[in-house]
Structure formats: C-alpha cells, structure tokens
Amino acid sequence: MAPPVLFEVDHQTAVITLNRPERRNAINQELLVHLYNALDAVAGSKEIRVAILTGNGPSFCAGLDLEAVGRENLFDPRGDGRDLPDLMRACKKPVIAAVNGHAITGGFELALNCDFIIAAENAQFADTHARVGIHPGWGMTQLLQQTVGQRRAKQISFACQPIYAHTALAWGVVNEILPGEQLLERAKTIAAQIVQADPQLLSVIKTLIENRNRGPLDQAFDQERSGFRQFFREKIGQFKGSGKTHALTKE
C-alpha cells in the first residue's frame, strides 16, 4: 500500500505530497504522522532549503476524515505533544503550498500555515467548521483574517461557501493561479529561485517578517534595526576587505 504522504528531494527542494486521493487527501492519524515527520525532515536537513506541499489527485486536502474523528488521535498523532502550527513555526525554511484542487476546512488551514500559496485555476477554498460542527484548531480564525481582513474572513467562515481561484487571488489568499498542469512546475521554479538566496539570511528575513504577527509594528521594526546593527558590527570587517562597504554605508 502506498504511503499517505510522499516525500522526495531534488535540487535542495523537498516535495511533500498528500497521497490519499481516494479520500481527497482527507486527514487521518496516519497521514498526520507522515506529514509531521516530513516537516521535521525539512526543518532538520542541511540539504533541503525549501519545501513544496501539494496533493495527489483532484484535491489538495478535503479536511478531516470524518471516519477518523473520535476513533483516532488527531490532536497528538505522534504522542509528542507537537501539532501542525508548532511544526510550521519551528521550520525556518520556506514552505510553499501548491493547491491543486479542494482545500477545505483543515485543508484550508494547512495551506494557510504555509508561507504562501499558489493555486491551480480549478482550486477552491472553504471553511466549513461551523457547518460540520468542528472547532478550528490550526489557526483558521487568525490566519484567515490576517490574510483577507476580518470582514471577508467572517463571510467565508460564517457562510461556509467556497471561494474559487480567481476570487482567492483577488482577496490575497493566493499569490498566483495557473493551469493545473503547470502548477507543480511553477512551484519548483519559485523554489529554485529561493534556493539561490543566502540560507542563513533567508531564515532571518522569514523570522523578521513573521515577527509582525507577534507584536506591534514598532517592536517588529526595532527588531529588524537591532539585527542590522549587529550584522553591521559582525560583518563590516569582511565588507571592508572585499571593497563592498558602499553597500552598507547607504543605510
């Protein structure tokens, strides 16, 4: 039997593919264990610089497998107390969601936890927590409003109706939409561009951007400025030696 999550690495890019197409990649405990292990592998690998998360078949992820609810440990699938948001926060490498179809409820949350989303033209997103009677737990109430604004987030979560790819693009849920057959290749192209960046500084910039989610603008701004001053003190000697001090003195 094929594993519920496929994992491959090529050119320093990990491709994580949810692989329960017969269940529209719905979430059960086995899928979560494999997914969490894959995310840990990305975070801990010196070779991997960026990851792409996608789904096999017509859906990205249809949310919780209702047959698993109440029967399987979906809250702590590995027994280590770590959940999806914990793993995503611990990963200092970019994770791109390549949404190839339905991203429903928990599947929508999964995509929102990634650094950014690109989507196929047939993709659709929906939050049906209120309809199916399941409490959100992977950040839907916070990440969605951060993405689209509170009023649109309320409409999406109250009405439980799907938004389609072009609306998702207009509302800022996704960065790009493409024909389905081009989606993964485009994700790999973006990943290859990311691989060209300095890995240490990329991690720093990712953290600095996300600091804005955890505090006021002034605090996040000060953290960036403080980091730059430290960088300047540590690197100025190297820049002097290479004749590149003009790149710093502009600041």
Protein backbone atom coordinates (compact mmCIF):
# COMPACT_ATOMS: atom_id res chain seq x y z
CA MET A 1 0.00 0.00 0.00
CA ALA A 2 1.30 3.45 -0.91
CA PRO A 3 2.19 5.74 2.00
CA PRO A 4 -0.31 8.52 2.79
CA VAL A 5 2.39 11.15 2.24
CA LEU A 6 5.06 11.06 -0.45
CA PHE A 7 8.40 12.75 0.19
CA GLU A 8 11.11 13.44 -2.34
CA VAL A 9 14.06 15.80 -2.52
CA ASP A 10 15.53 17.23 -5.70
CA HIS A 11 17.86 20.21 -6.14
CA GLN A 12 17.58 21.08 -2.42
CA THR A 13 13.78 21.23 -2.69
CA ALA A 14 11.51 18.82 -0.83
CA VAL A 15 8.15 17.97 -2.40
CA ILE A 16 5.63 16.73 0.17
CA THR A 17 2.57 15.20 -1.48
CA LEU A 18 -0.55 14.24 0.44
CA ASN A 19 -1.39 10.83 -1.01
CA ARG A 20 -4.88 9.66 -0.12
CA PRO A 21 -6.52 10.59 -3.43
CA GLU A 22 -9.34 8.08 -2.94
CA ARG A 23 -10.35 10.13 0.15
CA ARG A 24 -9.49 13.51 -1.39
CA ASN A 25 -6.42 13.54 0.87
CA ALA A 26 -8.60 13.79 3.96
CA ILE A 27 -6.72 13.93 7.25
CA ASN A 28 -6.40 10.87 9.44
CA GLN A 29 -3.82 9.95 12.06
CA GLU A 30 -1.56 8.05 9.68
CA LEU A 31 -1.43 10.96 7.24
CA LEU A 32 -0.62 13.37 10.07
CA VAL A 33 2.21 11.20 11.36
CA HIS A 34 3.79 11.04 7.91
CA LEU A 35 3.20 14.74 7.27
CA TYR A 36 4.70 15.77 10.60
CA ASN A 37 7.71 13.51 10.00
CA ALA A 38 8.19 15.12 6.59
CA LEU A 39 8.06 18.63 8.06
CA ASP A 40 10.59 17.61 10.72
CA ALA A 41 12.83 16.23 7.97
CA VAL A 42 12.68 19.55 6.13
CA ALA A 43 13.44 21.53 9.28
CA GLY A 44 16.35 19.30 10.26
CA SER A 45 18.03 18.74 6.89
CA LYS A 46 21.11 20.67 5.84
CA GLU A 47 20.44 19.72 2.24
CA ILE A 48 16.84 20.92 1.99
CA ARG A 49 16.40 24.66 1.54
CA VAL A 50 12.70 24.94 0.66
CA ALA A 51 9.62 22.69 0.61
CA ILE A 52 6.54 22.41 -1.57
CA LEU A 53 3.32 20.96 -0.12
CA THR A 54 0.73 19.64 -2.58
CA GLY A 55 -1.86 16.91 -3.02
CA ASN A 56 -2.26 13.90 -5.26
CA GLY A 57 -5.44 13.67 -7.29
CA PRO A 58 -8.28 16.18 -7.69
CA SER A 59 -7.93 17.70 -4.21
CA PHE A 60 -5.26 19.37 -2.14
CA CYS A 61 -6.89 18.31 1.13
CA ALA A 62 -10.57 17.92 1.98
CA GLY A 63 -10.05 18.43 5.71
CA LEU A 64 -10.59 15.92 8.47
CA ASP A 65 -11.60 12.40 7.51
CA LEU A 66 -14.86 12.19 9.45
CA GLU A 67 -14.39 8.43 9.78
CA ALA A 68 -11.28 9.14 11.87
CA VAL A 69 -12.91 11.66 14.20
CA GLY A 70 -13.40 10.12 17.63
CA ARG A 71 -11.56 6.97 16.61
CA GLU A 72 -8.02 8.16 16.01
CA ASN A 73 -5.68 10.54 17.81
CA LEU A 74 -5.79 13.56 15.52
CA PHE A 75 -4.80 16.06 18.20
CA ASP A 76 -1.47 14.46 19.13
CA PRO A 77 -0.90 11.84 16.40
CA ARG A 78 2.74 11.05 17.27
CA GLY A 79 2.31 11.31 21.03
CA ASP A 80 4.95 14.02 21.32
CA GLY A 81 2.63 16.95 22.03
CA ARG A 82 3.54 18.76 18.79
CA ASP A 83 0.84 19.90 16.40
CA LEU A 84 0.90 21.36 12.88
CA PRO A 85 1.33 25.03 13.89
CA ASP A 86 4.20 24.04 16.21
CA LEU A 87 5.98 22.26 13.37
CA MET A 88 5.42 25.08 10.90
CA ARG A 89 6.77 27.66 13.34
CA ALA A 90 9.79 25.50 14.07
CA CYS A 91 10.63 25.22 10.37
CA LYS A 92 12.84 28.15 9.41
CA LYS A 93 12.72 27.24 5.73
CA PRO A 94 10.07 28.45 3.30
CA VAL A 95 7.14 26.14 2.68
CA ILE A 96 5.09 26.77 -0.48
CA ALA A 97 1.55 25.42 -0.74
CA ALA A 98 0.72 24.33 -4.29
CA VAL A 99 -3.04 23.90 -4.07
CA ASN A 100 -4.19 21.66 -6.87
CA GLY A 101 -7.90 21.42 -6.06
CA HIS A 102 -10.16 21.48 -3.00
CA ALA A 103 -8.64 22.97 0.18
CA ILE A 104 -11.47 22.53 2.65
CA THR A 105 -11.54 23.42 6.36
CA GLY A 106 -8.47 21.65 7.81
CA GLY A 107 -7.01 21.55 4.31
CA PHE A 108 -7.52 25.30 4.03
CA GLU A 109 -5.82 25.74 7.39
CA LEU A 110 -2.95 23.56 6.22
CA ALA A 111 -2.41 25.84 3.21
CA LEU A 112 -2.71 28.99 5.34
CA ASN A 113 0.07 27.73 7.62
CA CYS A 114 2.46 27.70 4.67
CA ASP A 115 4.49 30.78 3.80
CA PHE A 116 2.47 31.47 0.67
CA ILE A 117 0.07 29.73 -1.69
CA ILE A 118 -0.04 29.28 -5.43
CA ALA A 119 -3.05 27.52 -6.88
CA ALA A 120 -4.47 25.79 -9.91
CA GLU A 121 -7.27 27.53 -11.78
CA ASN A 122 -9.72 24.92 -10.51
CA ALA A 123 -8.72 25.34 -6.85
CA GLN A 124 -11.34 26.23 -4.30
CA PHE A 125 -11.08 27.13 -0.64
CA ALA A 126 -13.71 26.81 2.08
CA ASP A 127 -14.03 26.98 5.85
CA THR A 128 -16.86 24.68 6.90
CA HIS A 129 -16.03 24.37 10.61
CA ALA A 130 -19.35 26.00 11.57
CA ARG A 131 -21.34 23.75 9.24
CA VAL A 132 -19.85 20.41 10.26
CA GLY A 133 -19.60 21.34 13.95
CA ILE A 134 -15.83 21.05 14.40
CA HIS A 135 -13.87 23.62 16.40
CA PRO A 136 -11.00 25.19 14.41
CA GLY A 137 -7.57 24.43 15.81
CA TRP A 138 -4.86 25.10 13.23
CA GLY A 139 -5.28 28.86 13.10
CA MET A 140 -8.28 29.40 10.81
CA THR A 141 -9.78 32.20 12.90
CA GLN A 142 -6.49 34.10 12.98
CA LEU A 143 -4.63 33.25 9.78
CA LEU A 144 -7.64 33.80 7.51
CA GLN A 145 -8.44 37.27 8.84
CA GLN A 146 -4.76 38.15 8.71
CA THR A 147 -4.85 37.19 5.04
CA VAL A 148 -8.14 38.64 3.78
CA GLY A 149 -9.23 41.05 6.53
CA GLN A 150 -11.76 40.45 9.27
CA ARG A 151 -14.93 41.18 7.31
CA ARG A 152 -14.10 38.83 4.45
CA ALA A 153 -12.93 36.20 6.94
CA LYS A 154 -16.30 36.42 8.68
CA GLN A 155 -18.13 35.96 5.39
CA ILE A 156 -16.02 32.91 4.48
CA SER A 157 -16.33 31.28 7.90
CA PHE A 158 -19.97 32.18 8.61
CA ALA A 159 -21.45 31.26 5.22
CA CYS A 160 -19.21 28.19 4.75
CA GLN A 161 -19.27 28.74 0.99
CA PRO A 162 -16.27 28.08 -1.26
CA ILE A 163 -14.23 30.81 -2.84
CA TYR A 164 -12.74 29.94 -6.19
CA ALA A 165 -9.26 30.57 -7.52
CA HIS A 166 -9.82 33.99 -9.12
CA THR A 167 -11.58 35.33 -6.00
CA ALA A 168 -8.84 33.83 -3.84
CA LEU A 169 -6.29 35.69 -5.96
CA ALA A 170 -8.21 38.98 -5.73
CA TRP A 171 -8.60 38.64 -1.96
CA GLY A 172 -4.94 37.81 -1.36
CA VAL A 173 -5.34 34.17 -0.34
CA VAL A 174 -3.11 33.02 -3.19
CA ASN A 175 -0.18 34.70 -4.91
CA GLU A 176 -0.65 33.18 -8.36
CA ILE A 177 -3.09 30.96 -10.24
CA LEU A 178 -2.04 28.67 -13.08
CA PRO A 179 -3.39 25.88 -15.26
CA GLY A 180 -3.31 22.71 -13.20
CA GLU A 181 -0.70 21.04 -15.36
CA GLN A 182 1.70 23.94 -14.77
CA LEU A 183 1.22 24.26 -11.00
CA LEU A 184 3.93 21.98 -9.66
CA GLU A 185 6.46 23.12 -12.24
CA ARG A 186 5.82 26.75 -11.28
CA ALA A 187 6.23 25.87 -7.60
CA LYS A 188 9.56 24.24 -8.39
CA THR A 189 10.65 27.31 -10.35
CA ILE A 190 9.91 29.54 -7.38
CA ALA A 191 11.68 27.07 -5.10
CA ALA A 192 14.76 27.14 -7.35
CA GLN A 193 14.82 30.93 -7.06
CA ILE A 194 14.61 30.66 -3.27
CA VAL A 195 17.48 28.16 -3.23
CA GLN A 196 19.72 30.88 -4.73
CA ALA A 197 19.30 33.03 -1.61
CA ASP A 198 21.71 33.00 1.31
CA PRO A 199 20.16 30.34 3.60
CA GLN A 200 21.12 31.99 6.87
CA LEU A 201 19.85 35.42 5.86
CA LEU A 202 16.73 33.90 4.34
CA SER A 203 15.90 32.34 7.70
CA VAL A 204 16.49 35.68 9.41
CA ILE A 205 14.24 37.54 6.96
CA LYS A 206 11.49 34.94 7.33
CA THR A 207 11.63 35.38 11.11
CA LEU A 208 11.64 39.17 10.86
CA ILE A 209 8.59 39.18 8.59
CA GLU A 210 6.74 36.85 10.94
CA ASN A 211 7.64 38.96 13.98
CA ARG A 212 4.94 41.36 12.78
CA ASN A 213 2.40 38.62 13.57
CA ARG A 214 3.50 38.50 17.20
CA GLY A 215 3.75 42.16 18.17
CA PRO A 216 3.14 45.78 17.19
CA LEU A 217 4.83 47.40 14.21
CA ASP A 218 7.25 49.45 16.32
CA GLN A 219 8.50 46.34 18.09
CA ALA A 220 8.96 44.37 14.84
CA PHE A 221 10.67 47.38 13.22
CA ASP A 222 13.06 47.71 16.17
CA GLN A 223 13.93 44.01 15.95
CA GLU A 224 14.93 44.45 12.31
CA ARG A 225 17.02 47.55 13.07
CA SER A 226 18.69 45.84 16.02
CA GLY A 227 19.55 42.86 13.84
CA PHE A 228 21.01 45.13 11.19
CA ARG A 229 23.24 46.88 13.71
CA GLN A 230 24.52 43.52 14.93
CA PHE A 231 25.06 42.38 11.35
CA PHE A 232 26.97 45.59 10.61
CA ARG A 233 29.26 45.14 13.61
CA GLU A 234 29.99 41.49 12.75
CA LYS A 235 30.41 41.88 9.00
CA ILE A 236 31.91 45.31 8.47
CA GLY A 237 35.44 43.93 8.56
CA GLN A 238 34.62 41.41 5.86
CA PHE A 239 32.97 44.06 3.71
CA LYS A 240 35.97 46.38 4.08
CA GLY A 241 38.26 43.63 2.96
CA SER A 242 36.19 42.96 -0.15
CA GLY A 243 35.68 46.62 -1.05
CA LYS A 244 31.90 46.42 -0.67
CA THR A 245 31.40 48.91 2.14
CA HIS A 246 29.31 51.15 -0.15
CA ALA A 247 26.51 48.59 0.13
CA LEU A 248 26.34 49.27 3.85
CA THR A 249 27.04 52.97 4.04
CA LYS A 250 23.89 53.70 2.05
CA GLU A 251 21.99 52.89 5.26
